[in-house]
Amino acid sequence: RLEAACEFAITSGIKKPRYHHLNSILASNQDEIYVERKKADAKDHSQMGYLRGSSYYGGGRDDQ
């Protein structure tokens, strides 16, 4: 939980997280919410593929 709290603090804009920052994050369970959201985002992104249109492959010029 401590590592997740540190990661949450840094990604939320706290450049140098101190004890009182981490203590409040842990007390309010924001680290657990952060981990759950991170897992959900990873799951969503794993189902996506790279989609490219015809213009990427050079087909946009000849399709007209």
C-alpha atoms as a PDB file:
ATOM      1  CA  ARG A   1       0.000   0.000   0.000  1.00  0.00           C
ATOM      2  CA  LEU A   2       2.850   2.361   0.743  1.00  0.00           C
ATOM      3  CA  GLU A   3       4.282   2.057  -2.765  1.00  0.00           C
ATOM      4  CA  ALA A   4       0.840   2.656  -4.277  1.00  0.00           C
ATOM      5  CA  ALA A   5       0.405   5.708  -2.044  1.00  0.00           C
ATOM      6  CA  CYS A   6       3.775   7.062  -3.175  1.00  0.00           C
ATOM      7  CA  GLU A   7       2.902   6.495  -6.833  1.00  0.00           C
ATOM      8  CA  PHE A   8      -0.473   8.164  -6.328  1.00  0.00           C
ATOM      9  CA  ALA A   9       1.143  11.142  -4.618  1.00  0.00           C
ATOM     10  CA  ILE A  10       3.698  11.627  -7.381  1.00  0.00           C
ATOM     11  CA  THR A  11       1.175  11.258 -10.207  1.00  0.00           C
ATOM     12  CA  SER A  12      -1.195  13.688  -8.511  1.00  0.00           C
ATOM     13  CA  GLY A  13       1.401  16.451  -8.541  1.00  0.00           C
ATOM     14  CA  ILE A  14       3.183  16.162  -5.203  1.00  0.00           C
ATOM     15  CA  LYS A  15       6.849  16.415  -6.171  1.00  0.00           C
ATOM     16  CA  LYS A  16       8.286  15.327  -2.829  1.00  0.00           C
ATOM     17  CA  PRO A  17       5.725  13.324  -0.854  1.00  0.00           C
ATOM     18  CA  ARG A  18       6.229  13.574   2.889  1.00  0.00           C
ATOM     19  CA  TYR A  19       4.857  11.575   5.782  1.00  0.00           C
ATOM     20  CA  HIS A  20       1.754  13.725   6.236  1.00  0.00           C
ATOM     21  CA  HIS A  21       0.902  13.410   2.515  1.00  0.00           C
ATOM     22  CA  LEU A  22       1.244   9.633   2.562  1.00  0.00           C
ATOM     23  CA  ASN A  23      -0.518   9.298   5.903  1.00  0.00           C
ATOM     24  CA  SER A  24      -3.607  11.116   4.639  1.00  0.00           C
ATOM     25  CA  ILE A  25      -3.612   9.091   1.387  1.00  0.00           C
ATOM     26  CA  LEU A  26      -3.438   5.829   3.338  1.00  0.00           C
ATOM     27  CA  ALA A  27      -6.014   6.944   5.921  1.00  0.00           C
ATOM     28  CA  SER A  28      -8.557   7.807   3.221  1.00  0.00           C
ATOM     29  CA  ASN A  29      -7.831   4.647   1.169  1.00  0.00           C
ATOM     30  CA  GLN A  30      -6.996   6.719  -1.905  1.00  0.00           C
ATOM     31  CA  ASP A  31      -4.166   4.301  -2.678  1.00  0.00           C
ATOM     32  CA  GLU A  32      -6.601   1.395  -3.004  1.00  0.00           C
ATOM     33  CA  ILE A  33      -8.895   3.410  -5.260  1.00  0.00           C
ATOM     34  CA  TYR A  34      -5.862   4.375  -7.365  1.00  0.00           C
ATOM     35  CA  VAL A  35      -4.798   0.726  -7.746  1.00  0.00           C
ATOM     36  CA  GLU A  36      -8.324  -0.348  -8.742  1.00  0.00           C
ATOM     37  CA  ARG A  37      -8.560   2.414 -11.362  1.00  0.00           C
ATOM     38  CA  LYS A  38      -5.126   1.523 -12.670  1.00  0.00           C
ATOM     39  CA  LYS A  39      -6.162  -2.135 -13.036  1.00  0.00           C
ATOM     40  CA  ALA A  40      -9.383  -1.142 -14.811  1.00  0.00           C
ATOM     41  CA  ASP A  41      -7.479   1.142 -17.204  1.00  0.00           C
ATOM     42  CA  ALA A  42      -4.971  -1.605 -17.976  1.00  0.00           C
ATOM     43  CA  LYS A  43      -7.811  -4.019 -18.682  1.00  0.00           C
ATOM     44  CA  ASP A  44      -9.494  -1.524 -21.015  1.00  0.00           C
ATOM     45  CA  HIS A  45      -6.266  -0.816 -22.891  1.00  0.00           C
ATOM     46  CA  SER A  46      -5.395  -4.489 -23.298  1.00  0.00           C
ATOM     47  CA  GLN A  47      -8.542  -5.006 -25.362  1.00  0.00           C
ATOM     48  CA  MET A  48      -7.698  -2.178 -27.751  1.00  0.00           C
ATOM     49  CA  GLY A  49      -5.698  -2.526 -30.902  1.00  0.00           C
ATOM     50  CA  TYR A  50      -3.930  -0.071 -33.109  1.00  0.00           C
ATOM     51  CA  LEU A  51      -6.307   1.277 -35.722  1.00  0.00           C
ATOM     52  CA  ARG A  52      -4.991   3.131 -38.712  1.00  0.00           C
ATOM     53  CA  GLY A  53      -6.917   4.627 -41.576  1.00  0.00           C
ATOM     54  CA  SER A  54      -6.155   4.273 -45.259  1.00  0.00           C
ATOM     55  CA  SER A  55      -4.234   7.559 -45.277  1.00  0.00           C
ATOM     56  CA  TYR A  56      -1.651   6.043 -42.933  1.00  0.00           C
ATOM     57  CA  TYR A  57      -0.879   3.293 -45.428  1.00  0.00           C
ATOM     58  CA  GLY A  58      -0.850   5.634 -48.401  1.00  0.00           C
ATOM     59  CA  GLY A  59      -4.302   4.658 -49.624  1.00  0.00           C
ATOM     60  CA  GLY A  60      -5.868   8.028 -48.930  1.00  0.00           C
ATOM     61  CA  ARG A  61      -4.404   9.580 -52.074  1.00  0.00           C
ATOM     62  CA  ASP A  62      -5.589   6.870 -54.443  1.00  0.00           C
ATOM     63  CA  ASP A  63      -9.050   6.290 -52.971  1.00  0.00           C
ATOM     64  CA  GLN A  64     -10.569   9.461 -54.397  1.00  0.00           C
END
